[in-house]
Amino acid sequence: MTTTALVHPDTTMRDLLDLFPGAQRALFKKYHIGGCSSCGFQPQETLAQVCARNNGLSVDEALEHIQASHEADLKIQISPADLSRLLESGAVKLLDVRTREEFEAARIEGSVLFTQELMQEVLSRWNPDDVLVIVDHQGTRSMDAAAFFAGHGFSNVRSLGGGIDAWSVEIDPSVPRYHLE
């Protein structure tokens, strides 16, 4: 059974986002749904309700776009094992998009905390063909950041699938795991 077979018009947005973590980004990019307070949705709203109040958007069309975006997201992700191999070769730059507190509590050796100043440097001075891997806690925010950099011409940007949490489980258990409230 495909993931989209689990989704129907009465699927809540919370459940949809659990199945397709990038769905909100996909809906905003194509239909301007869910990106700000004026076009946002509530977790308990159904997909049908959200589509109906957005110019009667077809649920099937929205699902088709979400699925295509999800498949594109999967191509941007890099596994912890593949990242580990890249780090050994030295052919990667790591940007950590978590908070300073998260970064100080647990980080991958060689990663750099992302700041506004660093963003300006990356966009103006870094080679957009270099491999750039974005790290967050569980791999959700890093997809947004990877999409941002891809949209700014970075051709080899990746998001660490599962984030630093997966890194800790699969590669380096000395990196502390944590939970956000």
Protein backbone atom coordinates (compact mmCIF):
# COMPACT_ATOMS: atom_id res chain seq x y z
CA MET A 1 0.00 0.00 0.00
CA THR A 2 1.43 3.39 -0.95
CA THR A 3 1.55 6.24 1.51
CA THR A 4 -0.96 8.23 -0.51
CA ALA A 5 -3.40 5.30 -0.18
CA LEU A 6 -3.44 6.07 3.55
CA VAL A 7 -4.62 9.62 2.86
CA HIS A 8 -8.23 10.52 2.10
CA PRO A 9 -10.22 13.77 2.10
CA ASP A 10 -11.02 13.40 5.83
CA THR A 11 -7.37 12.96 6.82
CA THR A 12 -6.43 15.65 9.33
CA MET A 13 -3.59 17.98 8.52
CA ARG A 14 -1.74 16.66 11.59
CA ASP A 15 -1.92 13.12 10.20
CA LEU A 16 -1.01 14.32 6.71
CA LEU A 17 2.09 16.06 8.06
CA ASP A 18 3.05 12.93 9.98
CA LEU A 19 2.98 10.95 6.72
CA PHE A 20 4.47 13.71 4.55
CA PRO A 21 6.62 16.04 6.70
CA GLY A 22 7.20 18.40 3.76
CA ALA A 23 3.51 18.74 2.88
CA GLN A 24 3.16 22.21 4.37
CA ARG A 25 6.17 23.48 2.40
CA ALA A 26 4.76 21.85 -0.77
CA LEU A 27 1.28 23.34 -0.28
CA PHE A 28 2.71 26.78 0.39
CA LYS A 29 5.05 26.73 -2.58
CA LYS A 30 2.38 25.86 -5.14
CA TYR A 31 -0.88 27.12 -3.62
CA HIS A 32 0.14 29.59 -0.87
CA ILE A 33 -1.50 27.39 1.76
CA GLY A 34 -0.10 27.00 5.26
CA GLY A 35 2.89 29.31 5.24
CA CYS A 36 1.61 32.27 7.24
CA SER A 37 -1.21 33.28 9.57
CA SER A 38 -3.47 34.45 6.73
CA CYS A 39 -3.26 31.15 4.83
CA GLY A 40 -2.55 28.77 7.71
CA PHE A 41 -4.51 25.73 8.80
CA GLN A 42 -5.26 24.02 12.08
CA PRO A 43 -3.92 20.53 12.84
CA GLN A 44 -7.44 19.16 13.30
CA GLU A 45 -8.71 20.50 9.95
CA THR A 46 -9.16 17.90 7.25
CA LEU A 47 -7.46 18.03 3.88
CA ALA A 48 -10.89 18.44 2.27
CA GLN A 49 -11.69 21.45 4.48
CA VAL A 50 -8.36 23.13 3.70
CA CYS A 51 -8.78 22.52 -0.04
CA ALA A 52 -12.41 23.72 -0.01
CA ARG A 53 -11.56 27.06 1.59
CA ASN A 54 -8.68 27.58 -0.82
CA ASN A 55 -10.57 28.18 -4.03
CA GLY A 56 -12.06 24.70 -4.06
CA LEU A 57 -8.70 23.09 -4.76
CA SER A 58 -9.05 19.47 -5.83
CA VAL A 59 -8.00 17.09 -3.05
CA ASP A 60 -6.58 14.71 -5.67
CA GLU A 61 -4.52 17.51 -7.24
CA ALA A 62 -3.19 18.59 -3.83
CA LEU A 63 -2.29 14.98 -2.96
CA GLU A 64 -0.55 14.48 -6.29
CA HIS A 65 1.55 17.58 -5.66
CA ILE A 66 2.32 16.53 -2.05
CA GLN A 67 3.44 13.07 -3.24
CA ALA A 68 5.67 14.52 -5.98
CA SER A 69 7.20 16.96 -3.49
CA HIS A 70 7.74 14.13 -1.00
CA GLU A 71 9.62 12.12 -3.64
CA ALA A 72 11.77 15.18 -4.40
CA ASP A 73 12.44 15.60 -0.66
CA LEU A 74 13.65 12.00 -0.45
CA LYS A 75 16.21 12.73 -3.18
CA ILE A 76 17.60 15.64 -1.16
CA GLN A 77 18.05 13.57 1.99
CA ILE A 78 21.31 11.89 2.87
CA SER A 79 21.51 8.98 5.28
CA PRO A 80 23.71 9.15 8.37
CA ALA A 81 25.89 6.35 6.91
CA ASP A 82 26.40 8.24 3.63
CA LEU A 83 27.19 11.43 5.53
CA SER A 84 29.72 9.55 7.65
CA ARG A 85 31.52 8.40 4.50
CA LEU A 86 31.51 11.95 3.10
CA LEU A 87 32.92 13.34 6.34
CA GLU A 88 35.76 10.83 6.19
CA SER A 89 36.64 12.10 2.72
CA GLY A 90 36.46 15.74 3.84
CA ALA A 91 34.26 16.57 0.85
CA VAL A 92 31.36 18.15 2.74
CA LYS A 93 30.37 21.24 4.68
CA LEU A 94 27.92 20.81 7.57
CA LEU A 95 25.48 23.55 8.58
CA ASP A 96 23.50 23.01 11.77
CA VAL A 97 20.18 24.92 11.79
CA ARG A 98 19.19 24.12 15.38
CA THR A 99 19.24 26.61 18.24
CA ARG A 100 22.51 27.55 19.91
CA GLU A 101 21.42 25.61 23.01
CA GLU A 102 20.76 22.45 20.99
CA PHE A 103 24.05 22.88 19.12
CA GLU A 104 26.02 23.26 22.36
CA ALA A 105 24.32 20.22 23.89
CA ALA A 106 24.89 17.83 20.96
CA ARG A 107 26.62 18.24 17.62
CA ILE A 108 28.37 16.43 14.82
CA GLU A 109 32.09 17.08 14.79
CA GLY A 110 32.92 19.65 12.12
CA SER A 111 29.46 21.18 11.92
CA VAL A 112 28.94 24.93 12.03
CA LEU A 113 26.05 26.66 13.77
CA PHE A 114 23.94 28.50 11.22
CA THR A 115 23.51 32.22 11.91
CA GLN A 116 22.29 35.17 9.87
CA GLU A 117 25.89 36.29 9.39
CA LEU A 118 26.90 32.85 8.18
CA MET A 119 23.93 32.77 5.81
CA GLN A 120 25.23 35.92 4.12
CA GLU A 121 28.69 34.40 3.84
CA VAL A 122 27.35 31.13 2.42
CA LEU A 123 25.23 32.89 -0.19
CA SER A 124 27.95 35.30 -1.26
CA ARG A 125 31.20 33.35 -0.92
CA TRP A 126 30.68 29.60 -0.74
CA ASN A 127 30.93 27.49 -3.89
CA PRO A 128 27.36 26.47 -4.80
CA ASP A 129 28.69 23.22 -6.31
CA ASP A 130 30.26 22.01 -3.04
CA VAL A 131 28.42 19.36 -1.04
CA LEU A 132 26.48 21.12 1.70
CA VAL A 133 24.61 19.08 4.31
CA ILE A 134 22.05 20.72 6.58
CA VAL A 135 21.50 19.23 10.05
CA ASP A 136 18.66 19.72 12.51
CA HIS A 137 17.12 17.68 15.31
CA GLN A 138 15.03 15.16 13.37
CA GLY A 139 15.30 16.11 9.70
CA THR A 140 12.32 18.42 9.22
CA ARG A 141 13.66 21.99 9.47
CA SER A 142 16.77 20.94 7.59
CA MET A 143 14.59 20.10 4.57
CA ASP A 144 13.26 23.66 4.59
CA ALA A 145 16.81 25.02 4.76
CA ALA A 146 17.99 22.65 2.01
CA ALA A 147 15.12 23.78 -0.21
CA PHE A 148 16.10 27.41 0.48
CA PHE A 149 19.70 26.83 -0.59
CA ALA A 150 18.68 24.75 -3.62
CA GLY A 151 16.47 27.67 -4.63
CA HIS A 152 19.54 29.91 -4.38
CA GLY A 153 21.59 27.81 -6.78
CA PHE A 154 23.27 25.27 -4.49
CA SER A 155 23.31 22.13 -6.61
CA ASN A 156 24.62 19.63 -4.04
CA VAL A 157 22.67 20.55 -0.93
CA ARG A 158 21.37 17.71 1.23
CA SER A 159 19.37 17.31 4.43
CA LEU A 160 20.45 14.76 7.03
CA GLY A 161 17.59 12.24 7.10
CA GLY A 162 16.42 11.84 10.68
CA GLY A 163 18.66 14.69 11.81
CA ILE A 164 21.20 14.53 14.60
CA ASP A 165 18.88 12.15 16.41
CA ALA A 166 19.41 9.52 13.68
CA TRP A 167 23.15 10.31 13.65
CA SER A 168 23.32 9.54 17.38
CA VAL A 169 21.46 6.23 16.96
CA GLU A 170 23.12 5.01 13.76
CA ILE A 171 26.64 6.48 13.77
CA ASP A 172 27.84 8.07 16.99
CA PRO A 173 26.09 7.15 20.25
CA SER A 174 28.38 9.57 22.13
CA VAL A 175 26.29 12.41 20.66
CA PRO A 176 23.56 12.91 23.27
CA ARG A 177 19.94 12.43 22.25
CA TYR A 178 17.34 14.85 23.53
CA HIS A 179 13.64 15.66 23.28
CA LEU A 180 12.09 19.06 22.68
CA GLU A 181 9.03 20.13 24.60
